Amino acid sequence: MAQAKPRPKLELVASPCRPQKRRKPRDVRPFAPLFKALGDETRLEIVALLADAGEALCACDIEAHFDLSQSTISHHLKLLRKAGLLTSERRGTWIYYSLDRDVLERLRVFSTRIDTTRT
């Protein structure tokens, strides 16, 4: 029977994966609903459509842009409104949607919270 070669001893080296100090976590939880709402291609397209329009669009104009049912578009609009991305205004029997311009400020705030060059 062949004798097994002895394995070389492994030296313990400080792991580069361990942080030298605990970092203070950044509070990004308030932004989760915003990014969750933006995490769908149709909703991103609705936001882009409203941004390009520069004015409020009737729900029927938004629906006409897509090959989706009215109820599906209404669902997406509801989620975007709930996340604070859109505002809505009733004009007679129609609802007009526009991009909430404050959302740009919220995205800027998020950007500063994750900026690793700042401490």
Protein backbone atom coordinates (compact mmCIF):
# COMPACT_ATOMS: atom_id res chain seq x y z
CA MET A 1 0.00 0.00 0.00
CA ALA A 2 1.32 3.43 -0.93
CA GLN A 3 1.93 5.76 1.91
CA ALA A 4 -0.05 9.03 1.77
CA LYS A 5 2.00 12.19 1.47
CA PRO A 6 1.75 14.46 4.46
CA ARG A 7 -0.25 17.59 3.71
CA PRO A 8 1.50 20.90 4.17
CA LYS A 9 0.38 22.82 7.22
CA LEU A 10 -1.79 25.81 6.46
CA GLU A 11 -0.78 29.05 8.01
CA LEU A 12 -3.49 31.13 9.56
CA VAL A 13 -3.58 34.50 7.88
CA ALA A 14 -5.82 37.41 8.82
CA SER A 15 -8.86 37.27 6.60
CA PRO A 16 -9.20 40.21 4.20
CA CYS A 17 -12.98 39.72 4.41
CA ARG A 18 -13.27 40.79 8.03
CA PRO A 19 -13.87 44.51 8.43
CA GLN A 20 -11.35 46.21 10.65
CA LYS A 21 -14.06 48.24 12.32
CA ARG A 22 -17.83 48.12 12.37
CA ARG A 23 -19.35 50.54 9.97
CA LYS A 24 -22.40 52.54 10.85
CA PRO A 25 -25.26 51.21 8.71
CA ARG A 26 -26.96 53.70 6.46
CA ASP A 27 -30.69 54.09 6.91
CA VAL A 28 -32.02 53.17 3.49
CA ARG A 29 -35.21 51.39 4.54
CA PRO A 30 -37.48 54.36 3.74
CA PHE A 31 -36.41 54.06 0.09
CA ALA A 32 -37.38 50.41 -0.35
CA PRO A 33 -40.99 51.10 -1.47
CA LEU A 34 -39.70 53.58 -4.04
CA PHE A 35 -37.29 51.10 -5.59
CA LYS A 36 -39.76 48.24 -5.31
CA ALA A 37 -42.23 50.29 -7.36
CA LEU A 38 -39.52 51.06 -9.91
CA GLY A 39 -38.54 47.40 -10.12
CA ASP A 40 -41.01 46.62 -12.89
CA GLU A 41 -40.47 47.35 -16.58
CA THR A 42 -44.04 48.56 -17.17
CA ARG A 43 -43.91 50.93 -14.20
CA LEU A 44 -40.55 52.28 -15.35
CA GLU A 45 -42.07 52.90 -18.78
CA ILE A 46 -45.00 54.75 -17.18
CA VAL A 47 -42.59 56.96 -15.22
CA ALA A 48 -40.56 57.65 -18.39
CA LEU A 49 -43.74 58.41 -20.33
CA LEU A 50 -44.86 60.94 -17.72
CA ALA A 51 -41.38 62.46 -17.47
CA ASP A 52 -41.23 62.93 -21.25
CA ALA A 53 -44.72 64.44 -21.33
CA GLY A 54 -43.80 67.13 -18.83
CA GLU A 55 -47.46 67.48 -17.92
CA ALA A 56 -50.28 65.41 -16.47
CA LEU A 57 -51.57 62.65 -18.72
CA CYS A 58 -55.03 61.17 -18.72
CA ALA A 59 -55.19 57.54 -17.66
CA CYS A 60 -56.62 56.75 -21.09
CA ASP A 61 -53.50 58.20 -22.77
CA ILE A 62 -51.27 56.11 -20.55
CA GLU A 63 -53.32 52.98 -21.29
CA ALA A 64 -53.13 53.65 -25.04
CA HIS A 65 -49.33 53.52 -24.86
CA PHE A 66 -49.36 49.87 -23.73
CA ASP A 67 -50.69 46.60 -25.05
CA LEU A 68 -52.07 45.72 -21.60
CA SER A 69 -55.54 45.67 -20.10
CA GLN A 70 -57.01 48.72 -18.40
CA SER A 71 -57.05 46.91 -15.06
CA THR A 72 -53.34 46.04 -15.34
CA ILE A 73 -52.40 49.65 -16.09
CA SER A 74 -54.63 50.84 -13.24
CA HIS A 75 -52.84 48.44 -10.90
CA HIS A 76 -49.43 49.78 -11.95
CA LEU A 77 -50.60 53.38 -11.55
CA LYS A 78 -51.93 52.58 -8.09
CA LEU A 79 -48.59 51.10 -7.01
CA LEU A 80 -46.66 54.07 -8.37
CA ARG A 81 -49.01 56.48 -6.60
CA LYS A 82 -48.76 54.56 -3.34
CA ALA A 83 -44.94 54.67 -3.53
CA GLY A 84 -45.06 58.44 -3.92
CA LEU A 85 -43.88 58.56 -7.51
CA LEU A 86 -47.10 59.90 -9.02
CA THR A 87 -49.78 62.38 -8.16
CA SER A 88 -53.31 62.14 -9.51
CA GLU A 89 -56.10 64.58 -10.10
CA ARG A 90 -59.69 63.86 -11.07
CA ARG A 91 -61.06 65.97 -13.92
CA GLY A 92 -64.66 65.02 -14.49
CA THR A 93 -64.74 61.29 -15.12
CA TRP A 94 -61.04 61.03 -15.97
CA ILE A 95 -58.00 60.81 -13.73
CA TYR A 96 -54.84 62.63 -14.76
CA TYR A 97 -51.45 61.44 -13.54
CA SER A 98 -48.19 63.30 -13.27
CA LEU A 99 -44.75 62.56 -11.95
CA ASP A 100 -44.25 63.85 -8.43
CA ARG A 101 -41.22 66.09 -8.91
CA ASP A 102 -40.28 65.63 -5.24
CA VAL A 103 -39.23 62.10 -6.13
CA LEU A 104 -36.10 63.50 -7.78
CA GLU A 105 -35.15 65.02 -4.44
CA ARG A 106 -35.79 61.68 -2.70
CA LEU A 107 -33.48 59.95 -5.19
CA ARG A 108 -30.81 62.60 -4.57
CA VAL A 109 -31.10 62.01 -0.81
CA PHE A 110 -30.74 58.26 -1.37
CA SER A 111 -27.69 58.88 -3.51
CA THR A 112 -26.01 60.87 -0.76
CA ARG A 113 -26.77 58.12 1.77
CA ILE A 114 -25.00 55.48 -0.27
CA ASP A 115 -22.14 57.70 -1.41
CA THR A 116 -19.06 55.90 -0.12
CA THR A 117 -16.85 58.98 -0.49
CA ARG A 118 -18.79 60.71 2.28
CA THR A 119 -18.47 59.77 5.90
